[in-house]
Amino acid sequence: MSTKHTTYSRRTFSKLSALGLVGLPLLSFQEALDPIECSAPESLQVHLFSKHLQFLDYNAMAAATVAMGFDGVDLTVRPKGHVLPERVTDELPKAVEAMTKHGLSPQLMSTNVWDITDPIQHTVLKTASQLGFTHYRTAWLKYPEDRSITESQLLYAQQAKVLERVNSELGLVGGYQNNSGMNVGAPVWDLIPILEATKGEYLGSQYDIRHAVIEGGESWELGLRRIQLYINSIVLKDVKWGIKDGKWQPINVPLGEGMVDFKRYFSLLKSYKINVPVSLHVEYDLGGAEHGATEISIPKSEVFARIKKDLDFIRATWKSV
């Protein structure tokens, strides 16, 4: 008689651990829990944030992405993006057509979606679902000065439940990016009360290691450990502190030249068996392309070379740990 090895989702395992049930035979849970295969991939599926190619049309964007060796595009579908939200029904199909022409399947997009009662935001998700997208980044949130942080978290948690329900109906997975500064989610820990209100299946965390290191310093690993069950996509970029214009501030740098310990980070991703879509952001000097410029001040070939260097770093470092 053969024995089939069954693995469970990280969220399921965590719940069993909390109940003290991990050490017990799992036979009684077999019918109640759906087994899934969840293991670290041999190589990452890396998508390029299309913000850095907004000086190109859809066809040239897709062609350049393939030529650099990426697996896909993280398409900007937002104000000042490749696709404007108010034109999504006309423009998103054109972008997808260009992508598929070059062998890229639609999967990731970055949006300003959070308030699903807004008809334009709802149309963005509905159109993306119809075209085959699976994951998207949500809008960022702020803490109003006239409301306590706890009250804001309760409000955002209710909004998150509504958004997750719509995502479920459309077959989409939303991810809230931790963004440093005065944003909701900057410390990572404060996202937990919001995300715990959801089922964590169709709405979770787009984990950004650059912002986590800025805010977490030497404790970023604790934040990752706490949020890891909710991670459904990740962003890769690097940063260091420096003096600019007479002030200490974060300075974006090529991967491997900043504070992010990518070997340690990748080893933890593998340990936690996090297998999710990856988006590369290149936010140091690209002649304006780092900011989403439609006109750039350096040759396109130099932009592509700098981006590809980061991609090569990711491939080599992931393989080495």
C-alpha atoms as a PDB file:
ATOM      1  CA  MET A   1       0.000   0.000   0.000  1.00  0.00           C
ATOM      2  CA  SER A   2       1.408   3.385  -1.003  1.00  0.00           C
ATOM      3  CA  THR A   3       1.382   6.366   1.343  1.00  0.00           C
ATOM      4  CA  LYS A   4       0.563   9.791  -0.076  1.00  0.00           C
ATOM      5  CA  HIS A   5       2.351  12.729   1.512  1.00  0.00           C
ATOM      6  CA  THR A   6      -0.074  15.562   2.206  1.00  0.00           C
ATOM      7  CA  THR A   7       0.874  19.161   2.931  1.00  0.00           C
ATOM      8  CA  TYR A   8      -1.373  21.902   4.202  1.00  0.00           C
ATOM      9  CA  SER A   9      -1.533  25.622   3.611  1.00  0.00           C
ATOM     10  CA  ARG A  10       0.521  27.852   5.885  1.00  0.00           C
ATOM     11  CA  ARG A  11      -2.676  29.380   7.277  1.00  0.00           C
ATOM     12  CA  THR A  12      -4.128  25.938   8.090  1.00  0.00           C
ATOM     13  CA  PHE A  13      -0.908  24.808   9.770  1.00  0.00           C
ATOM     14  CA  SER A  14      -0.828  27.976  11.865  1.00  0.00           C
ATOM     15  CA  LYS A  15      -4.386  27.440  13.050  1.00  0.00           C
ATOM     16  CA  LEU A  16      -3.636  23.838  13.996  1.00  0.00           C
ATOM     17  CA  SER A  17      -0.509  24.974  15.824  1.00  0.00           C
ATOM     18  CA  ALA A  18      -2.503  27.484  17.845  1.00  0.00           C
ATOM     19  CA  LEU A  19      -4.876  24.720  18.882  1.00  0.00           C
ATOM     20  CA  GLY A  20      -2.025  22.427  19.855  1.00  0.00           C
ATOM     21  CA  LEU A  21      -3.054  19.895  17.218  1.00  0.00           C
ATOM     22  CA  VAL A  22       0.010  19.743  14.996  1.00  0.00           C
ATOM     23  CA  GLY A  23       1.482  16.787  16.868  1.00  0.00           C
ATOM     24  CA  LEU A  24      -1.728  14.737  16.625  1.00  0.00           C
ATOM     25  CA  PRO A  25      -2.549  12.376  13.758  1.00  0.00           C
ATOM     26  CA  LEU A  26      -4.155  14.374  10.963  1.00  0.00           C
ATOM     27  CA  LEU A  27      -6.377  11.576   9.701  1.00  0.00           C
ATOM     28  CA  SER A  28      -9.474  13.049  11.298  1.00  0.00           C
ATOM     29  CA  PHE A  29      -8.867  16.319   9.468  1.00  0.00           C
ATOM     30  CA  GLN A  30      -8.456  14.777   6.012  1.00  0.00           C
ATOM     31  CA  GLU A  31     -12.046  15.247   4.909  1.00  0.00           C
ATOM     32  CA  ALA A  32     -12.417  18.683   6.473  1.00  0.00           C
ATOM     33  CA  LEU A  33      -9.265  20.248   5.069  1.00  0.00           C
ATOM     34  CA  ASP A  34      -8.266  20.461   1.432  1.00  0.00           C
ATOM     35  CA  PRO A  35      -4.622  19.430   0.958  1.00  0.00           C
ATOM     36  CA  ILE A  36      -2.494  21.675  -1.210  1.00  0.00           C
ATOM     37  CA  GLU A  37       1.022  21.477  -2.487  1.00  0.00           C
ATOM     38  CA  CYS A  38       2.988  24.453  -1.211  1.00  0.00           C
ATOM     39  CA  SER A  39       6.735  24.392  -1.633  1.00  0.00           C
ATOM     40  CA  ALA A  40       9.445  26.856  -2.536  1.00  0.00           C
ATOM     41  CA  PRO A  41       9.991  27.012  -6.302  1.00  0.00           C
ATOM     42  CA  GLU A  42      13.356  26.265  -7.886  1.00  0.00           C
ATOM     43  CA  SER A  43      13.221  29.681  -9.550  1.00  0.00           C
ATOM     44  CA  LEU A  44      11.063  32.749  -9.010  1.00  0.00           C
ATOM     45  CA  GLN A  45       8.467  33.902 -11.513  1.00  0.00           C
ATOM     46  CA  VAL A  46       9.555  37.527 -11.784  1.00  0.00           C
ATOM     47  CA  HIS A  47       7.371  40.245 -13.300  1.00  0.00           C
ATOM     48  CA  LEU A  48       8.617  43.690 -14.255  1.00  0.00           C
ATOM     49  CA  PHE A  49       6.753  46.667 -12.830  1.00  0.00           C
ATOM     50  CA  SER A  50       5.548  48.392 -15.993  1.00  0.00           C
ATOM     51  CA  LYS A  51       5.930  51.811 -14.355  1.00  0.00           C
ATOM     52  CA  HIS A  52       9.538  51.674 -15.569  1.00  0.00           C
ATOM     53  CA  LEU A  53       8.518  51.169 -19.197  1.00  0.00           C
ATOM     54  CA  GLN A  54       5.851  53.830 -19.500  1.00  0.00           C
ATOM     55  CA  PHE A  55       7.956  55.524 -22.170  1.00  0.00           C
ATOM     56  CA  LEU A  56       6.974  52.578 -24.409  1.00  0.00           C
ATOM     57  CA  ASP A  57       3.662  51.586 -25.944  1.00  0.00           C
ATOM     58  CA  TYR A  58       2.051  48.257 -25.051  1.00  0.00           C
ATOM     59  CA  ASN A  59       3.745  46.278 -27.809  1.00  0.00           C
ATOM     60  CA  ALA A  60       7.227  47.669 -27.165  1.00  0.00           C
ATOM     61  CA  MET A  61       6.707  47.226 -23.415  1.00  0.00           C
ATOM     62  CA  ALA A  62       5.905  43.536 -23.844  1.00  0.00           C
ATOM     63  CA  ALA A  63       8.738  42.962 -26.297  1.00  0.00           C
ATOM     64  CA  ALA A  64      11.296  44.611 -23.990  1.00  0.00           C
ATOM     65  CA  THR A  65      10.038  42.626 -20.992  1.00  0.00           C
ATOM     66  CA  VAL A  66      10.535  39.347 -22.824  1.00  0.00           C
ATOM     67  CA  ALA A  67      13.917  40.377 -24.217  1.00  0.00           C
ATOM     68  CA  MET A  68      15.185  41.111 -20.697  1.00  0.00           C
ATOM     69  CA  GLY A  69      14.107  37.663 -19.548  1.00  0.00           C
ATOM     70  CA  PHE A  70      11.125  38.392 -17.319  1.00  0.00           C
ATOM     71  CA  ASP A  71       8.244  35.982 -16.849  1.00  0.00           C
ATOM     72  CA  GLY A  72       5.565  38.649 -16.976  1.00  0.00           C
ATOM     73  CA  VAL A  73       4.509  42.259 -16.514  1.00  0.00           C
ATOM     74  CA  ASP A  74       3.125  43.890 -13.377  1.00  0.00           C
ATOM     75  CA  LEU A  75       0.930  46.284 -15.329  1.00  0.00           C
ATOM     76  CA  THR A  76       0.126  49.732 -13.942  1.00  0.00           C
ATOM     77  CA  VAL A  77      -3.655  50.213 -14.174  1.00  0.00           C
ATOM     78  CA  ARG A  78      -4.051  53.417 -12.218  1.00  0.00           C
ATOM     79  CA  PRO A  79      -3.839  57.220 -12.586  1.00  0.00           C
ATOM     80  CA  LYS A  80      -0.681  58.105 -14.545  1.00  0.00           C
ATOM     81  CA  GLY A  81      -0.225  54.395 -15.331  1.00  0.00           C
ATOM     82  CA  HIS A  82       0.094  52.451 -18.550  1.00  0.00           C
ATOM     83  CA  VAL A  83      -3.687  51.985 -18.469  1.00  0.00           C
ATOM     84  CA  LEU A  84      -5.867  54.744 -17.059  1.00  0.00           C
ATOM     85  CA  PRO A  85      -8.754  53.449 -14.894  1.00  0.00           C
ATOM     86  CA  GLU A  86     -11.379  55.513 -16.710  1.00  0.00           C
ATOM     87  CA  ARG A  87     -10.287  53.919 -20.011  1.00  0.00           C
ATOM     88  CA  VAL A  88      -9.828  50.383 -18.732  1.00  0.00           C
ATOM     89  CA  THR A  89     -12.500  48.737 -20.879  1.00  0.00           C
ATOM     90  CA  ASP A  90     -10.880  50.097 -24.047  1.00  0.00           C
ATOM     91  CA  GLU A  91      -7.190  50.017 -23.145  1.00  0.00           C
ATOM     92  CA  LEU A  92      -6.682  46.953 -20.948  1.00  0.00           C
ATOM     93  CA  PRO A  93      -7.674  44.520 -23.745  1.00  0.00           C
ATOM     94  CA  LYS A  94      -5.112  46.225 -26.009  1.00  0.00           C
ATOM     95  CA  ALA A  95      -2.395  45.847 -23.390  1.00  0.00           C
ATOM     96  CA  VAL A  96      -3.244  42.184 -22.869  1.00  0.00           C
ATOM     97  CA  GLU A  97      -3.285  41.561 -26.618  1.00  0.00           C
ATOM     98  CA  ALA A  98       0.239  42.979 -26.869  1.00  0.00           C
ATOM     99  CA  MET A  99       1.398  40.884 -23.921  1.00  0.00           C
ATOM    100  CA  THR A 100      -0.012  37.620 -25.238  1.00  0.00           C
ATOM    101  CA  LYS A 101       1.463  38.368 -28.666  1.00  0.00           C
ATOM    102  CA  HIS A 102       4.872  38.149 -27.004  1.00  0.00           C
ATOM    103  CA  GLY A 103       4.039  35.093 -24.914  1.00  0.00           C
ATOM    104  CA  LEU A 104       3.201  36.883 -21.651  1.00  0.00           C
ATOM    105  CA  SER A 105       0.078  35.882 -19.751  1.00  0.00           C
ATOM    106  CA  PRO A 106      -1.812  38.544 -17.796  1.00  0.00           C
ATOM    107  CA  GLN A 107      -1.394  37.969 -14.072  1.00  0.00           C
ATOM    108  CA  LEU A 108      -0.245  40.981 -12.031  1.00  0.00           C
ATOM    109  CA  MET A 109      -1.409  44.581 -12.050  1.00  0.00           C
ATOM    110  CA  SER A 110      -0.979  47.578  -9.745  1.00  0.00           C
ATOM    111  CA  THR A 111      -4.098  49.657  -9.117  1.00  0.00           C
ATOM    112  CA  ASN A 112      -5.654  52.360  -6.966  1.00  0.00           C
ATOM    113  CA  VAL A 113      -8.562  50.075  -6.032  1.00  0.00           C
ATOM    114  CA  TRP A 114      -9.905  49.952  -2.487  1.00  0.00           C
ATOM    115  CA  ASP A 115     -13.360  51.525  -2.432  1.00  0.00           C
ATOM    116  CA  ILE A 116     -15.264  48.956  -4.446  1.00  0.00           C
ATOM    117  CA  THR A 117     -18.417  51.100  -4.352  1.00  0.00           C
ATOM    118  CA  ASP A 118     -16.655  53.381  -6.840  1.00  0.00           C
ATOM    119  CA  PRO A 119     -17.951  52.240 -10.261  1.00  0.00           C
ATOM    120  CA  ILE A 120     -14.616  52.896 -12.007  1.00  0.00           C
ATOM    121  CA  GLN A 121     -12.709  50.815  -9.479  1.00  0.00           C
ATOM    122  CA  HIS A 122     -15.221  48.006  -9.794  1.00  0.00           C
ATOM    123  CA  THR A 123     -14.936  48.147 -13.578  1.00  0.00           C
ATOM    124  CA  VAL A 124     -11.135  47.860 -13.320  1.00  0.00           C
ATOM    125  CA  LEU A 125     -11.458  44.602 -11.388  1.00  0.00           C
ATOM    126  CA  LYS A 126     -14.258  43.221 -13.527  1.00  0.00           C
ATOM    127  CA  THR A 127     -12.373  43.922 -16.763  1.00  0.00           C
ATOM    128  CA  ALA A 128      -9.140  42.469 -15.392  1.00  0.00           C
ATOM    129  CA  SER A 129     -10.944  39.318 -14.288  1.00  0.00           C
ATOM    130  CA  GLN A 130     -12.484  38.854 -17.712  1.00  0.00           C
ATOM    131  CA  LEU A 131      -9.036  39.178 -19.316  1.00  0.00           C
ATOM    132  CA  GLY A 132      -7.389  36.578 -17.088  1.00  0.00           C
ATOM    133  CA  PHE A 133      -5.566  38.607 -14.430  1.00  0.00           C
ATOM    134  CA  THR A 134      -5.248  36.842 -11.077  1.00  0.00           C
ATOM    135  CA  HIS A 135      -3.468  39.276  -8.698  1.00  0.00           C
ATOM    136  CA  TYR A 136      -3.508  43.011  -8.138  1.00  0.00           C
ATOM    137  CA  ARG A 137      -2.126  45.583  -5.745  1.00  0.00           C
ATOM    138  CA  THR A 138      -4.655  47.760  -3.947  1.00  0.00           C
ATOM    139  CA  ALA A 139      -4.538  51.479  -3.168  1.00  0.00           C
ATOM    140  CA  TRP A 140      -2.682  52.727  -0.082  1.00  0.00           C
ATOM    141  CA  LEU A 141      -4.505  53.978   3.008  1.00  0.00           C
ATOM    142  CA  LYS A 142      -3.826  56.786   5.493  1.00  0.00           C
ATOM    143  CA  TYR A 143      -4.701  57.271   9.151  1.00  0.00           C
ATOM    144  CA  PRO A 144      -6.913  60.399   9.496  1.00  0.00           C
ATOM    145  CA  GLU A 145      -5.879  62.801  12.249  1.00  0.00           C
ATOM    146  CA  ASP A 146      -9.461  63.092  13.533  1.00  0.00           C
ATOM    147  CA  ARG A 147      -9.870  59.369  14.179  1.00  0.00           C
ATOM    148  CA  SER A 148      -7.844  57.027  16.362  1.00  0.00           C
ATOM    149  CA  ILE A 149      -5.659  54.415  14.708  1.00  0.00           C
ATOM    150  CA  THR A 150      -7.729  51.647  16.284  1.00  0.00           C
ATOM    151  CA  GLU A 151     -10.962  53.139  14.944  1.00  0.00           C
ATOM    152  CA  SER A 152      -9.402  53.464  11.491  1.00  0.00           C
ATOM    153  CA  GLN A 153      -8.268  49.846  11.556  1.00  0.00           C
ATOM    154  CA  LEU A 154     -11.807  48.727  12.387  1.00  0.00           C
ATOM    155  CA  LEU A 155     -13.183  50.769   9.485  1.00  0.00           C
ATOM    156  CA  TYR A 156     -10.564  49.497   7.044  1.00  0.00           C
ATOM    157  CA  ALA A 157     -11.173  45.934   8.230  1.00  0.00           C
ATOM    158  CA  GLN A 158     -14.840  46.216   7.263  1.00  0.00           C
ATOM    159  CA  GLN A 159     -13.895  47.671   3.881  1.00  0.00           C
ATOM    160  CA  ALA A 160     -11.416  44.832   3.423  1.00  0.00           C
ATOM    161  CA  LYS A 161     -14.179  42.270   4.001  1.00  0.00           C
ATOM    162  CA  VAL A 162     -16.309  43.895   1.308  1.00  0.00           C
ATOM    163  CA  LEU A 163     -13.399  44.030  -1.127  1.00  0.00           C
ATOM    164  CA  GLU A 164     -12.486  40.407  -0.471  1.00  0.00           C
ATOM    165  CA  ARG A 165     -16.047  39.320  -1.204  1.00  0.00           C
ATOM    166  CA  VAL A 166     -15.930  41.066  -4.591  1.00  0.00           C
ATOM    167  CA  ASN A 167     -12.486  39.564  -5.278  1.00  0.00           C
ATOM    168  CA  SER A 168     -13.905  36.129  -4.522  1.00  0.00           C
ATOM    169  CA  GLU A 169     -16.757  36.653  -6.977  1.00  0.00           C
ATOM    170  CA  LEU A 170     -14.313  37.777  -9.678  1.00  0.00           C
ATOM    171  CA  GLY A 171     -11.586  35.229  -8.969  1.00  0.00           C
ATOM    172  CA  LEU A 172      -9.008  37.891  -8.098  1.00  0.00           C
ATOM    173  CA  VAL A 173      -6.477  38.142  -5.273  1.00  0.00           C
ATOM    174  CA  GLY A 174      -5.746  41.609  -3.894  1.00  0.00           C
ATOM    175  CA  GLY A 175      -2.568  42.529  -2.053  1.00  0.00           C
ATOM    176  CA  TYR A 176      -2.016  45.588   0.154  1.00  0.00           C
ATOM    177  CA  GLN A 177       1.578  46.823  -0.142  1.00  0.00           C
ATOM    178  CA  ASN A 178       3.414  47.893   3.005  1.00  0.00           C
ATOM    179  CA  ASN A 179       4.761  51.323   2.099  1.00  0.00           C
ATOM    180  CA  SER A 180       7.104  53.190   4.450  1.00  0.00           C
ATOM    181  CA  GLY A 181       6.265  56.563   5.934  1.00  0.00           C
ATOM    182  CA  MET A 182       2.929  57.637   7.403  1.00  0.00           C
ATOM    183  CA  ASN A 183       0.946  54.995   5.525  1.00  0.00           C
ATOM    184  CA  VAL A 184      -1.280  52.267   6.890  1.00  0.00           C
ATOM    185  CA  GLY A 185       0.815  49.114   6.864  1.00  0.00           C
ATOM    186  CA  ALA A 186       4.178  50.850   7.075  1.00  0.00           C
ATOM    187  CA  PRO A 187       5.073  49.022  10.315  1.00  0.00           C
ATOM    188  CA  VAL A 188       3.588  45.771   8.839  1.00  0.00           C
ATOM    189  CA  TRP A 189       2.209  44.793  12.252  1.00  0.00           C
ATOM    190  CA  ASP A 190      -0.676  47.255  11.952  1.00  0.00           C
ATOM    191  CA  LEU A 191      -2.013  45.397   8.906  1.00  0.00           C
ATOM    192  CA  ILE A 192      -2.883  42.348  10.990  1.00  0.00           C
ATOM    193  CA  PRO A 193      -6.098  43.735  12.584  1.00  0.00           C
ATOM    194  CA  ILE A 194      -7.259  44.703   9.097  1.00  0.00           C
ATOM    195  CA  LEU A 195      -6.375  41.480   7.329  1.00  0.00           C
ATOM    196  CA  GLU A 196      -7.617  39.268  10.174  1.00  0.00           C
ATOM    197  CA  ALA A 197     -11.127  40.462   9.351  1.00  0.00           C
ATOM    198  CA  THR A 198     -10.855  38.679   6.008  1.00  0.00           C
ATOM    199  CA  LYS A 199     -10.429  35.019   5.214  1.00  0.00           C
ATOM    200  CA  GLY A 200      -6.979  35.802   3.872  1.00  0.00           C
ATOM    201  CA  GLU A 201      -7.729  34.048   0.591  1.00  0.00           C
ATOM    202  CA  TYR A 202      -8.708  36.831  -1.786  1.00  0.00           C
ATOM    203  CA  LEU A 203      -7.165  39.775   0.051  1.00  0.00           C
ATOM    204  CA  GLY A 204      -3.832  39.865   1.829  1.00  0.00           C
ATOM    205  CA  SER A 205      -0.350  41.331   1.763  1.00  0.00           C
ATOM    206  CA  GLN A 206       1.869  42.389  -1.097  1.00  0.00           C
ATOM    207  CA  TYR A 207       5.061  42.258   0.930  1.00  0.00           C
ATOM    208  CA  ASP A 208       7.715  44.832   0.049  1.00  0.00           C
ATOM    209  CA  ILE A 209      11.103  44.032   1.612  1.00  0.00           C
ATOM    210  CA  ARG A 210      12.536  47.492   0.831  1.00  0.00           C
ATOM    211  CA  HIS A 211       9.873  49.270   2.861  1.00  0.00           C
ATOM    212  CA  ALA A 212       9.948  46.587   5.566  1.00  0.00           C
ATOM    213  CA  VAL A 213      13.683  47.092   6.122  1.00  0.00           C
ATOM    214  CA  ILE A 214      13.337  50.884   6.254  1.00  0.00           C
ATOM    215  CA  GLU A 215      10.631  50.692   8.918  1.00  0.00           C
ATOM    216  CA  GLY A 216      11.741  47.509  10.675  1.00  0.00           C
ATOM    217  CA  GLY A 217      15.491  48.028  10.834  1.00  0.00           C
ATOM    218  CA  GLU A 218      16.895  44.928  12.503  1.00  0.00           C
ATOM    219  CA  SER A 219      13.427  43.584  13.396  1.00  0.00           C
ATOM    220  CA  TRP A 220      12.096  43.184   9.847  1.00  0.00           C
ATOM    221  CA  GLU A 221      12.276  39.391  10.242  1.00  0.00           C
ATOM    222  CA  LEU A 222       9.699  39.551  13.042  1.00  0.00           C
ATOM    223  CA  GLY A 223       7.362  41.523  10.791  1.00  0.00           C
ATOM    224  CA  LEU A 224       7.813  38.978   8.012  1.00  0.00           C
ATOM    225  CA  ARG A 225       7.166  36.143  10.440  1.00  0.00           C
ATOM    226  CA  ARG A 226       3.953  37.821  11.592  1.00  0.00           C
ATOM    227  CA  ILE A 227       2.588  38.717   8.156  1.00  0.00           C
ATOM    228  CA  GLN A 228       3.818  35.690   6.190  1.00  0.00           C
ATOM    229  CA  LEU A 229       0.499  33.823   6.316  1.00  0.00           C
ATOM    230  CA  TYR A 230      -1.168  36.672   4.408  1.00  0.00           C
ATOM    231  CA  ILE A 231       1.479  37.228   1.721  1.00  0.00           C
ATOM    232  CA  ASN A 232       0.103  36.669  -1.786  1.00  0.00           C
ATOM    233  CA  SER A 233       2.680  38.612  -3.837  1.00  0.00           C
ATOM    234  CA  ILE A 234       6.035  40.241  -3.163  1.00  0.00           C
ATOM    235  CA  VAL A 235       7.969  43.283  -4.364  1.00  0.00           C
ATOM    236  CA  LEU A 236      11.760  43.302  -4.685  1.00  0.00           C
ATOM    237  CA  LYS A 237      13.949  46.420  -4.463  1.00  0.00           C
ATOM    238  CA  ASP A 238      16.871  47.684  -2.378  1.00  0.00           C
ATOM    239  CA  VAL A 239      17.644  50.798  -0.345  1.00  0.00           C
ATOM    240  CA  LYS A 240      20.153  52.422   1.989  1.00  0.00           C
ATOM    241  CA  TRP A 241      20.109  55.424   4.286  1.00  0.00           C
ATOM    242  CA  GLY A 242      22.097  58.454   3.155  1.00  0.00           C
ATOM    243  CA  ILE A 243      22.270  62.233   3.299  1.00  0.00           C
ATOM    244  CA  LYS A 244      20.579  63.987   0.406  1.00  0.00           C
ATOM    245  CA  ASP A 245      19.857  67.695   0.278  1.00  0.00           C
ATOM    246  CA  GLY A 246      21.189  67.944   3.836  1.00  0.00           C
ATOM    247  CA  LYS A 247      18.750  65.376   5.237  1.00  0.00           C
ATOM    248  CA  TRP A 248      18.994  61.703   6.143  1.00  0.00           C
ATOM    249  CA  GLN A 249      16.608  59.762   3.903  1.00  0.00           C
ATOM    250  CA  PRO A 250      16.200  56.428   2.117  1.00  0.00           C
ATOM    251  CA  ILE A 251      18.128  56.232  -1.156  1.00  0.00           C
ATOM    252  CA  ASN A 252      17.147  53.605  -3.727  1.00  0.00           C
ATOM    253  CA  VAL A 253      20.012  51.492  -5.094  1.00  0.00           C
ATOM    254  CA  PRO A 254      20.507  48.448  -7.344  1.00  0.00           C
ATOM    255  CA  LEU A 255      19.776  45.091  -5.737  1.00  0.00           C
ATOM    256  CA  GLY A 256      22.631  43.892  -3.562  1.00  0.00           C
ATOM    257  CA  GLU A 257      24.042  47.386  -2.950  1.00  0.00           C
ATOM    258  CA  GLY A 258      21.784  48.378  -0.080  1.00  0.00           C
ATOM    259  CA  MET A 259      20.601  47.270   3.353  1.00  0.00           C
ATOM    260  CA  VAL A 260      18.387  44.380   2.261  1.00  0.00           C
ATOM    261  CA  ASP A 261      19.991  41.036   3.095  1.00  0.00           C
ATOM    262  CA  PHE A 262      18.619  39.160   0.115  1.00  0.00           C
ATOM    263  CA  LYS A 263      20.264  35.854   1.003  1.00  0.00           C
ATOM    264  CA  ARG A 264      18.633  35.882   4.417  1.00  0.00           C
ATOM    265  CA  TYR A 265      15.331  37.100   2.979  1.00  0.00           C
ATOM    266  CA  PHE A 266      15.241  34.454   0.268  1.00  0.00           C
ATOM    267  CA  SER A 267      16.147  31.753   2.763  1.00  0.00           C
ATOM    268  CA  LEU A 268      13.168  32.797   4.894  1.00  0.00           C
ATOM    269  CA  LEU A 269      10.835  32.802   1.879  1.00  0.00           C
ATOM    270  CA  LYS A 270      11.937  29.257   1.160  1.00  0.00           C
ATOM    271  CA  SER A 271      11.595  28.269   4.818  1.00  0.00           C
ATOM    272  CA  TYR A 272       8.040  29.658   4.950  1.00  0.00           C
ATOM    273  CA  LYS A 273       7.313  28.011   1.572  1.00  0.00           C
ATOM    274  CA  ILE A 274       6.113  31.286   0.112  1.00  0.00           C
ATOM    275  CA  ASN A 275       5.455  30.671  -3.580  1.00  0.00           C
ATOM    276  CA  VAL A 276       3.760  33.796  -4.952  1.00  0.00           C
ATOM    277  CA  PRO A 277       4.119  36.183  -7.906  1.00  0.00           C
ATOM    278  CA  VAL A 278       7.117  38.530  -7.718  1.00  0.00           C
ATOM    279  CA  SER A 279       7.318  42.119  -8.982  1.00  0.00           C
ATOM    280  CA  LEU A 280      10.675  43.832  -9.552  1.00  0.00           C
ATOM    281  CA  HIS A 281      10.705  47.581  -8.895  1.00  0.00           C
ATOM    282  CA  VAL A 282      13.735  49.538 -10.130  1.00  0.00           C
ATOM    283  CA  GLU A 283      13.550  52.907  -8.435  1.00  0.00           C
ATOM    284  CA  TYR A 284      17.114  54.238  -8.639  1.00  0.00           C
ATOM    285  CA  ASP A 285      18.260  56.390 -11.571  1.00  0.00           C
ATOM    286  CA  LEU A 286      16.804  55.216 -14.882  1.00  0.00           C
ATOM    287  CA  GLY A 287      16.742  58.579 -16.568  1.00  0.00           C
ATOM    288  CA  GLY A 288      13.233  59.229 -15.338  1.00  0.00           C
ATOM    289  CA  ALA A 289      11.861  55.733 -16.004  1.00  0.00           C
ATOM    290  CA  GLU A 290      12.157  54.985 -12.297  1.00  0.00           C
ATOM    291  CA  HIS A 291       9.360  57.515 -11.768  1.00  0.00           C
ATOM    292  CA  GLY A 292       7.189  56.356 -14.663  1.00  0.00           C
ATOM    293  CA  ALA A 293       8.238  59.109 -17.066  1.00  0.00           C
ATOM    294  CA  THR A 294       6.919  58.959 -20.617  1.00  0.00           C
ATOM    295  CA  GLU A 295      10.124  60.569 -21.863  1.00  0.00           C
ATOM    296  CA  ILE A 296      13.555  59.533 -20.580  1.00  0.00           C
ATOM    297  CA  SER A 297      16.954  61.229 -20.505  1.00  0.00           C
ATOM    298  CA  ILE A 298      19.181  58.191 -21.105  1.00  0.00           C
ATOM    299  CA  PRO A 299      19.208  55.621 -23.940  1.00  0.00           C
ATOM    300  CA  LYS A 300      16.600  52.872 -23.748  1.00  0.00           C
ATOM    301  CA  SER A 301      19.383  50.305 -23.958  1.00  0.00           C
ATOM    302  CA  GLU A 302      20.868  51.635 -20.709  1.00  0.00           C
ATOM    303  CA  VAL A 303      17.500  51.430 -18.958  1.00  0.00           C
ATOM    304  CA  PHE A 304      17.136  47.815 -20.086  1.00  0.00           C
ATOM    305  CA  ALA A 305      20.700  46.951 -19.020  1.00  0.00           C
ATOM    306  CA  ARG A 306      20.208  48.304 -15.498  1.00  0.00           C
ATOM    307  CA  ILE A 307      16.896  46.505 -15.087  1.00  0.00           C
ATOM    308  CA  LYS A 308      18.320  43.226 -16.379  1.00  0.00           C
ATOM    309  CA  LYS A 309      21.229  43.473 -13.930  1.00  0.00           C
ATOM    310  CA  ASP A 310      18.723  43.434 -11.072  1.00  0.00           C
ATOM    311  CA  LEU A 311      16.894  40.488 -12.610  1.00  0.00           C
ATOM    312  CA  ASP A 312      20.154  38.544 -12.949  1.00  0.00           C
ATOM    313  CA  PHE A 313      20.911  39.295  -9.295  1.00  0.00           C
ATOM    314  CA  ILE A 314      17.546  37.855  -8.249  1.00  0.00           C
ATOM    315  CA  ARG A 315      18.033  34.659 -10.260  1.00  0.00           C
ATOM    316  CA  ALA A 316      21.572  34.073  -8.992  1.00  0.00           C
ATOM    317  CA  THR A 317      20.821  34.877  -5.340  1.00  0.00           C
ATOM    318  CA  TRP A 318      17.678  32.737  -5.200  1.00  0.00           C
ATOM    319  CA  LYS A 319      19.615  29.824  -6.639  1.00  0.00           C
ATOM    320  CA  SER A 320      22.470  30.268  -4.132  1.00  0.00           C
ATOM    321  CA  VAL A 321      20.389  29.922  -0.946  1.00  0.00           C
END
